[in-house]
């Protein structure tokens, strides 16, 4: 039985016997225990495996009932692990292999242990910034294979304009503020042109570029002993380090880890940042969460909207500070 309020995930006993047998063949030993793992925002089959020889492994699989996005994502993630291990180095789990049996496709990875963030202590926030800077430094200027996206990080550039053009879009977003919806709508309409122009400006951002994880947040990382380990590499691309910095900083802020400026300042001690472009990138993130947080909860993803509301509450005020806009005091009324 699945827990309520989380993504649907099958128990190990429901994984076909032939799939379980192939897991043991690839790993070279018997699985003695398989603990179902919840977390993330995708309905994949995930287990922490204890093996007869004392090792541990992590199983991440999809099957016929998984959505099309998950099928594409796992194909990409496997390719990253297989073809780019020297790029990931110590920043990712070891890749033990994969399997394809019937309609099942699964990756077998190093088990990085249970989630250790949140909570985000100040020490963990600062360590995460230092580690992300080290990852970017390792991969700056690297020429990626052709199959690695060069422009996926620009995906948020046009969202403010699309939200404004959508019938009732601004009103729906403003309604998240409840009794302060009118105040929210007035603020959004007053600053929409500035926010839109800023977000669109990211298209002009040039090198230096680095390898981007592009989805760095707590459910995709471990911070064991101050070392950053990242997984879920299906969004990997090449682009400006500032995109990853914004993604990680706003996510930590949304989970109570302090203002995003704390992360940014620590990152700058170890790696260069073009501060002039941070506002443009943050505006794009603010647009994405403002345009999605009010929409119906999608099937199989029961927690996604509440998470997006928290991220909206982190990004909109940050964008206002960076762009010199009036304080969006109404944001505190958005439920999270």
Protein backbone atom coordinates (compact mmCIF):
# COMPACT_ATOMS: atom_id res chain seq x y z
CA UNK A 1 0.00 0.00 0.00
CA UNK A 2 1.31 3.47 -0.88
CA UNK A 3 1.40 6.29 1.62
CA UNK A 4 -1.21 8.98 1.20
CA UNK A 5 -0.06 12.38 0.01
CA UNK A 6 3.01 11.10 -1.82
CA UNK A 7 3.76 9.75 -5.27
CA UNK A 8 2.54 6.24 -6.03
CA UNK A 9 5.41 3.74 -5.80
CA UNK A 10 5.13 -0.06 -5.93
CA UNK A 11 6.52 -2.27 -3.15
CA UNK A 12 9.43 -4.58 -4.02
CA UNK A 13 7.13 -7.62 -4.06
CA UNK A 14 5.21 -6.06 -6.97
CA UNK A 15 8.36 -5.73 -9.09
CA UNK A 16 8.25 -8.70 -11.50
CA UNK A 17 10.31 -11.71 -10.46
CA UNK A 18 12.31 -11.58 -13.70
CA UNK A 19 13.26 -7.96 -12.99
CA UNK A 20 14.37 -8.79 -9.45
CA UNK A 21 16.43 -11.69 -10.81
CA UNK A 22 18.11 -9.41 -13.33
CA UNK A 23 18.97 -6.95 -10.56
CA UNK A 24 20.80 -9.73 -8.73
CA UNK A 25 22.57 -10.81 -11.90
CA UNK A 26 23.82 -7.28 -12.66
CA UNK A 27 24.91 -6.69 -9.05
CA UNK A 28 26.42 -10.18 -8.75
CA UNK A 29 24.73 -11.09 -5.49
CA UNK A 30 21.37 -11.63 -3.83
CA UNK A 31 19.11 -8.81 -2.60
CA UNK A 32 18.32 -9.47 1.06
CA UNK A 33 16.22 -6.38 1.71
CA UNK A 34 14.59 -3.68 -0.43
CA UNK A 35 13.26 -0.56 1.25
CA UNK A 36 10.82 1.50 -0.78
CA UNK A 37 11.93 5.13 -0.95
CA UNK A 38 9.56 8.07 -1.18
CA UNK A 39 10.62 11.55 -2.17
CA UNK A 40 11.11 13.51 -5.34
CA UNK A 41 8.19 14.43 -7.55
CA UNK A 42 8.02 11.60 -10.04
CA UNK A 43 6.19 8.26 -9.81
CA UNK A 44 9.21 6.03 -10.35
CA UNK A 45 9.99 2.80 -8.51
CA UNK A 46 12.81 3.56 -6.07
CA UNK A 47 14.42 1.24 -3.52
CA UNK A 48 17.44 1.13 -1.26
CA UNK A 49 18.80 -2.40 -1.59
CA UNK A 50 20.80 -4.35 0.98
CA UNK A 51 22.88 -7.07 -0.68
CA UNK A 52 24.01 -10.46 0.60
CA UNK A 53 27.69 -9.50 0.29
CA UNK A 54 27.24 -6.49 2.56
CA UNK A 55 27.05 -3.86 -0.16
CA UNK A 56 24.17 -1.50 -0.77
CA UNK A 57 22.67 -0.20 -4.00
CA UNK A 58 19.91 2.11 -5.18
CA UNK A 59 17.29 0.97 -7.70
CA UNK A 60 15.46 3.54 -9.84
CA UNK A 61 13.04 2.10 -12.35
CA UNK A 62 10.13 2.80 -14.65
CA UNK A 63 7.62 0.52 -16.31
CA UNK A 64 4.66 0.59 -18.65
CA UNK A 65 2.51 2.69 -16.29
CA UNK A 66 5.18 5.38 -15.90
CA UNK A 67 4.51 8.58 -17.82
CA UNK A 68 6.25 9.55 -21.04
CA UNK A 69 8.38 12.14 -19.30
CA UNK A 70 9.83 9.52 -16.94
CA UNK A 71 10.72 7.24 -19.86
CA UNK A 72 12.63 10.05 -21.61
CA UNK A 73 14.22 11.20 -18.38
CA UNK A 74 15.61 7.80 -17.46
CA UNK A 75 17.05 7.31 -20.95
CA UNK A 76 18.88 10.63 -20.63
CA UNK A 77 20.06 9.94 -17.11
CA UNK A 78 21.51 6.56 -18.07
CA UNK A 79 23.37 8.16 -20.97
CA UNK A 80 24.88 10.73 -18.62
CA UNK A 81 26.13 8.04 -16.23
CA UNK A 82 27.49 5.86 -19.02
CA UNK A 83 29.15 8.47 -21.22
CA UNK A 84 30.23 11.24 -18.85
CA UNK A 85 31.58 9.62 -15.66
CA UNK A 86 34.71 11.79 -15.67
CA UNK A 87 32.55 14.92 -15.66
CA UNK A 88 30.50 13.80 -12.65
CA UNK A 89 33.53 12.55 -10.71
CA UNK A 90 32.94 12.65 -6.95
CA UNK A 91 29.76 14.70 -7.33
CA UNK A 92 27.46 11.82 -8.33
CA UNK A 93 26.75 8.27 -7.18
CA UNK A 94 28.68 5.45 -8.81
CA UNK A 95 26.88 3.75 -11.70
CA UNK A 96 26.62 -0.04 -11.22
CA UNK A 97 24.67 -0.79 -14.39
CA UNK A 98 21.18 -0.90 -15.82
CA UNK A 99 18.59 -3.41 -16.90
CA UNK A 100 15.81 -3.69 -19.44
CA UNK A 101 13.40 -6.54 -18.88
CA UNK A 102 10.00 -6.54 -20.55
CA UNK A 103 8.53 -3.08 -20.03
CA UNK A 104 10.91 -2.30 -17.16
CA UNK A 105 13.98 -0.05 -17.40
CA UNK A 106 16.04 0.58 -14.27
CA UNK A 107 19.31 2.09 -13.14
CA UNK A 108 21.43 0.59 -10.37
CA UNK A 109 23.46 3.19 -8.51
CA UNK A 110 25.53 3.67 -5.40
CA UNK A 111 23.29 4.09 -2.36
CA UNK A 112 24.01 7.53 -0.92
CA UNK A 113 21.96 6.88 2.19
CA UNK A 114 18.78 8.50 3.49
CA UNK A 115 17.91 12.13 2.84
CA UNK A 116 19.96 14.51 5.01
CA UNK A 117 18.49 17.86 3.88
CA UNK A 118 16.29 19.56 4.85
CA UNK A 119 16.81 20.82 7.45
CA UNK A 120 19.33 23.20 5.93
CA UNK A 121 21.69 24.37 8.65
CA UNK A 122 23.90 27.34 7.90
CA UNK A 123 26.90 24.99 7.76
CA UNK A 124 25.22 22.79 5.16
CA UNK A 125 24.13 25.78 3.10
CA UNK A 126 27.67 27.16 2.99
CA UNK A 127 29.12 23.73 2.20
CA UNK A 128 26.62 23.27 -0.64
CA UNK A 129 27.69 26.61 -2.16
CA UNK A 130 31.38 25.72 -1.95
CA UNK A 131 30.80 22.29 -3.45
CA UNK A 132 28.68 23.62 -6.31
CA UNK A 133 31.42 26.13 -7.11
CA UNK A 134 33.96 23.28 -7.21
CA UNK A 135 31.74 21.26 -9.56
CA UNK A 136 31.33 24.21 -11.91
CA UNK A 137 35.04 25.01 -11.86
CA UNK A 138 35.84 21.42 -12.83
CA UNK A 139 33.56 21.64 -15.87
CA UNK A 140 33.90 25.23 -17.10
CA UNK A 141 35.00 25.49 -20.72
CA UNK A 142 34.43 21.80 -21.38
CA UNK A 143 33.17 20.90 -24.86
CA UNK A 144 30.15 18.69 -24.36
CA UNK A 145 28.92 16.03 -26.81
CA UNK A 146 26.31 17.19 -29.30
CA UNK A 147 23.47 15.41 -27.50
CA UNK A 148 23.89 17.63 -24.41
CA UNK A 149 21.52 20.62 -24.58
CA UNK A 150 23.03 24.09 -24.97
CA UNK A 151 19.86 26.10 -24.44
CA UNK A 152 17.59 24.24 -22.01
CA UNK A 153 18.55 26.72 -19.27
CA UNK A 154 16.68 29.41 -21.26
CA UNK A 155 13.35 27.64 -20.76
CA UNK A 156 11.94 30.25 -18.35
CA UNK A 157 12.68 33.31 -20.51
CA UNK A 158 9.21 33.81 -21.99
CA UNK A 159 6.93 32.70 -19.16
CA UNK A 160 5.91 36.13 -17.85
CA UNK A 161 4.69 37.07 -21.31
CA UNK A 162 2.78 33.82 -21.73
CA UNK A 163 1.17 34.19 -18.30
CA UNK A 164 0.04 37.73 -19.12
CA UNK A 165 -1.38 36.59 -22.46
CA UNK A 166 -3.34 33.74 -20.91
CA UNK A 167 -6.97 34.59 -20.19
CA UNK A 168 -7.15 35.06 -16.42
CA UNK A 169 -3.54 34.03 -15.90
CA UNK A 170 -2.50 36.95 -13.70
CA UNK A 171 -5.76 36.77 -11.75
CA UNK A 172 -5.31 33.05 -11.08
CA UNK A 173 -1.77 33.59 -9.84
CA UNK A 174 -2.87 36.51 -7.67
CA UNK A 175 -5.62 34.42 -6.10
CA UNK A 176 -2.93 32.41 -4.32
CA UNK A 177 -2.64 35.39 -1.94
CA UNK A 178 -6.18 34.87 -0.70
CA UNK A 179 -7.55 38.02 0.93
CA UNK A 180 -4.60 39.97 -0.47
CA UNK A 181 -5.27 38.86 -4.05
CA UNK A 182 -6.06 42.41 -5.16
CA UNK A 183 -2.77 43.66 -3.76
CA UNK A 184 -0.95 40.80 -5.48
CA UNK A 185 -2.59 41.51 -8.83
CA UNK A 186 -1.78 45.21 -8.62
CA UNK A 187 1.87 44.42 -7.86
CA UNK A 188 2.19 41.89 -10.66
CA UNK A 189 0.60 44.15 -13.25
CA UNK A 190 2.68 47.16 -12.14
CA UNK A 191 5.96 45.24 -12.50
CA UNK A 192 5.12 42.77 -15.25
CA UNK A 193 6.91 44.61 -18.06
CA UNK A 194 10.11 44.91 -16.03
CA UNK A 195 9.99 41.27 -14.92
CA UNK A 196 9.30 40.09 -18.47
CA UNK A 197 12.10 42.15 -20.03
CA UNK A 198 14.52 40.94 -17.39
CA UNK A 199 13.68 37.26 -17.85
CA UNK A 200 13.97 37.54 -21.64
CA UNK A 201 17.44 39.07 -21.29
CA UNK A 202 18.91 35.67 -20.36
CA UNK A 203 18.89 34.76 -24.04
CA UNK A 204 21.81 37.14 -24.52
CA UNK A 205 23.96 35.56 -21.81
CA UNK A 206 27.21 34.32 -23.30
CA UNK A 207 30.18 32.23 -22.08
CA UNK A 208 31.79 31.18 -19.90
CA UNK A 209 29.59 28.12 -19.74
CA UNK A 210 29.86 25.05 -17.55
CA UNK A 211 28.09 21.78 -16.98
CA UNK A 212 24.72 22.36 -15.29
CA UNK A 213 22.80 19.87 -13.22
CA UNK A 214 19.84 22.22 -13.71
CA UNK A 215 17.61 20.67 -11.04
CA UNK A 216 19.73 20.99 -7.90
CA UNK A 217 17.40 20.81 -4.91
CA UNK A 218 17.22 18.79 -1.71
CA UNK A 219 15.45 15.74 -3.12
CA UNK A 220 18.18 15.41 -5.76
CA UNK A 221 21.20 15.78 -3.47
CA UNK A 222 22.94 14.47 -0.38
CA UNK A 223 25.19 16.62 1.83
CA UNK A 224 27.07 13.90 3.71
CA UNK A 225 30.01 15.23 5.75
CA UNK A 226 29.92 18.49 3.81
CA UNK A 227 30.26 16.80 0.41
CA UNK A 228 27.69 17.49 -2.30
CA UNK A 229 26.46 14.45 -4.24
CA UNK A 230 23.90 15.03 -7.00
CA UNK A 231 21.61 12.60 -8.80
CA UNK A 232 18.65 12.80 -11.21
CA UNK A 233 20.76 14.10 -14.10
CA UNK A 234 18.03 14.06 -16.75
CA UNK A 235 18.03 17.88 -17.10
CA UNK A 236 21.81 18.16 -17.52
CA UNK A 237 22.88 20.87 -19.95
CA UNK A 238 25.67 23.32 -20.70
CA UNK A 239 25.15 26.97 -19.78
CA UNK A 240 26.03 29.74 -17.33
CA UNK A 241 26.89 28.67 -13.78
CA UNK A 242 24.55 31.40 -12.55
CA UNK A 243 21.53 29.28 -13.56
CA UNK A 244 22.53 26.43 -11.24
CA UNK A 245 23.39 28.88 -8.47
CA UNK A 246 19.93 30.45 -8.62
CA UNK A 247 18.21 27.04 -8.75
CA UNK A 248 20.03 25.77 -5.67
CA UNK A 249 19.86 29.02 -3.69
CA UNK A 250 16.11 29.51 -4.15
CA UNK A 251 15.41 25.86 -3.33
CA UNK A 252 17.36 26.07 -0.08
CA UNK A 253 15.63 29.34 0.81
CA UNK A 254 12.23 27.75 0.13
CA UNK A 255 13.08 25.04 2.65
CA UNK A 256 14.04 27.39 5.46
CA UNK A 257 17.78 27.53 4.76
CA UNK A 258 18.05 31.31 4.93
CA UNK A 259 17.97 34.08 2.33
CA UNK A 260 19.35 33.07 -1.09
CA UNK A 261 21.95 35.82 -0.80
CA UNK A 262 23.74 33.71 1.84
CA UNK A 263 24.33 30.92 -0.69
CA UNK A 264 25.34 33.37 -3.43
CA UNK A 265 27.88 35.18 -1.26
CA UNK A 266 29.52 31.92 -0.20
CA UNK A 267 29.65 30.65 -3.79
CA UNK A 268 31.44 33.85 -4.84
CA UNK A 269 34.25 33.11 -2.40
CA UNK A 270 35.15 30.03 -4.47
CA UNK A 271 33.88 30.69 -7.98
CA UNK A 272 33.15 33.73 -10.19
CA UNK A 273 29.59 34.98 -10.62
CA UNK A 274 28.23 37.63 -12.95
CA UNK A 275 25.96 39.39 -10.50
CA UNK A 276 24.44 41.56 -13.20
CA UNK A 277 22.63 38.56 -14.67
CA UNK A 278 21.30 37.06 -11.44
CA UNK A 279 18.19 39.24 -11.49
CA UNK A 280 17.32 38.10 -15.01
CA UNK A 281 17.63 34.42 -14.09
CA UNK A 282 15.73 34.83 -10.82
CA UNK A 283 12.96 36.65 -12.70
CA UNK A 284 12.61 33.63 -14.96
CA UNK A 285 12.37 31.28 -11.99
CA UNK A 286 9.81 33.56 -10.35
CA UNK A 287 7.79 33.48 -13.57
CA UNK A 288 7.81 29.68 -13.69
CA UNK A 289 6.56 29.21 -10.13
CA UNK A 290 4.03 32.04 -10.40
CA UNK A 291 2.63 30.49 -13.58
CA UNK A 292 2.40 26.93 -12.23
CA UNK A 293 1.73 27.07 -8.47
CA UNK A 294 -1.99 27.82 -8.91
CA UNK A 295 -2.74 25.09 -11.45
CA UNK A 296 -4.56 21.83 -10.64
CA UNK A 297 -2.49 19.13 -8.99
CA UNK A 298 -1.38 16.72 -11.73
CA UNK A 299 -2.12 13.00 -11.36
CA UNK A 300 0.55 11.07 -9.44
CA UNK A 301 2.27 14.27 -8.26
CA UNK A 302 0.33 15.26 -5.12
CA UNK A 303 3.03 17.50 -3.56
CA UNK A 304 4.26 19.44 -6.56
CA UNK A 305 2.03 22.53 -6.19
CA UNK A 306 2.75 23.13 -2.51
CA UNK A 307 6.47 22.89 -3.31
CA UNK A 308 6.06 25.38 -6.16
CA UNK A 309 4.23 27.79 -3.86
CA UNK A 310 7.16 27.72 -1.42
CA UNK A 311 9.57 28.35 -4.29
CA UNK A 312 7.39 31.18 -5.58
CA UNK A 313 7.59 32.75 -2.11
CA UNK A 314 11.38 32.54 -2.26
CA UNK A 315 11.80 33.75 -5.85
CA UNK A 316 9.38 36.66 -6.22
CA UNK A 317 10.85 38.73 -3.33
CA UNK A 318 14.40 37.84 -4.44
CA UNK A 319 13.64 39.06 -7.97
CA UNK A 320 12.17 42.26 -6.52
CA UNK A 321 15.32 42.91 -4.48
CA UNK A 322 17.64 42.28 -7.41
CA UNK A 323 15.62 44.38 -9.87
CA UNK A 324 14.86 47.23 -7.48
CA UNK A 325 11.10 46.68 -7.47
CA UNK A 326 8.67 47.48 -4.67
CA UNK A 327 8.54 44.85 -1.95
CA UNK A 328 5.86 42.21 -2.71
CA UNK A 329 4.48 42.19 0.85
CA UNK A 330 1.47 40.18 -0.34
CA UNK A 331 3.66 37.11 -0.89
CA UNK A 332 3.42 36.22 2.80
CA UNK A 333 -0.30 35.51 2.30
CA UNK A 334 0.44 32.71 -0.20
CA UNK A 335 -0.22 29.41 1.58
CA UNK A 336 2.63 26.92 1.69
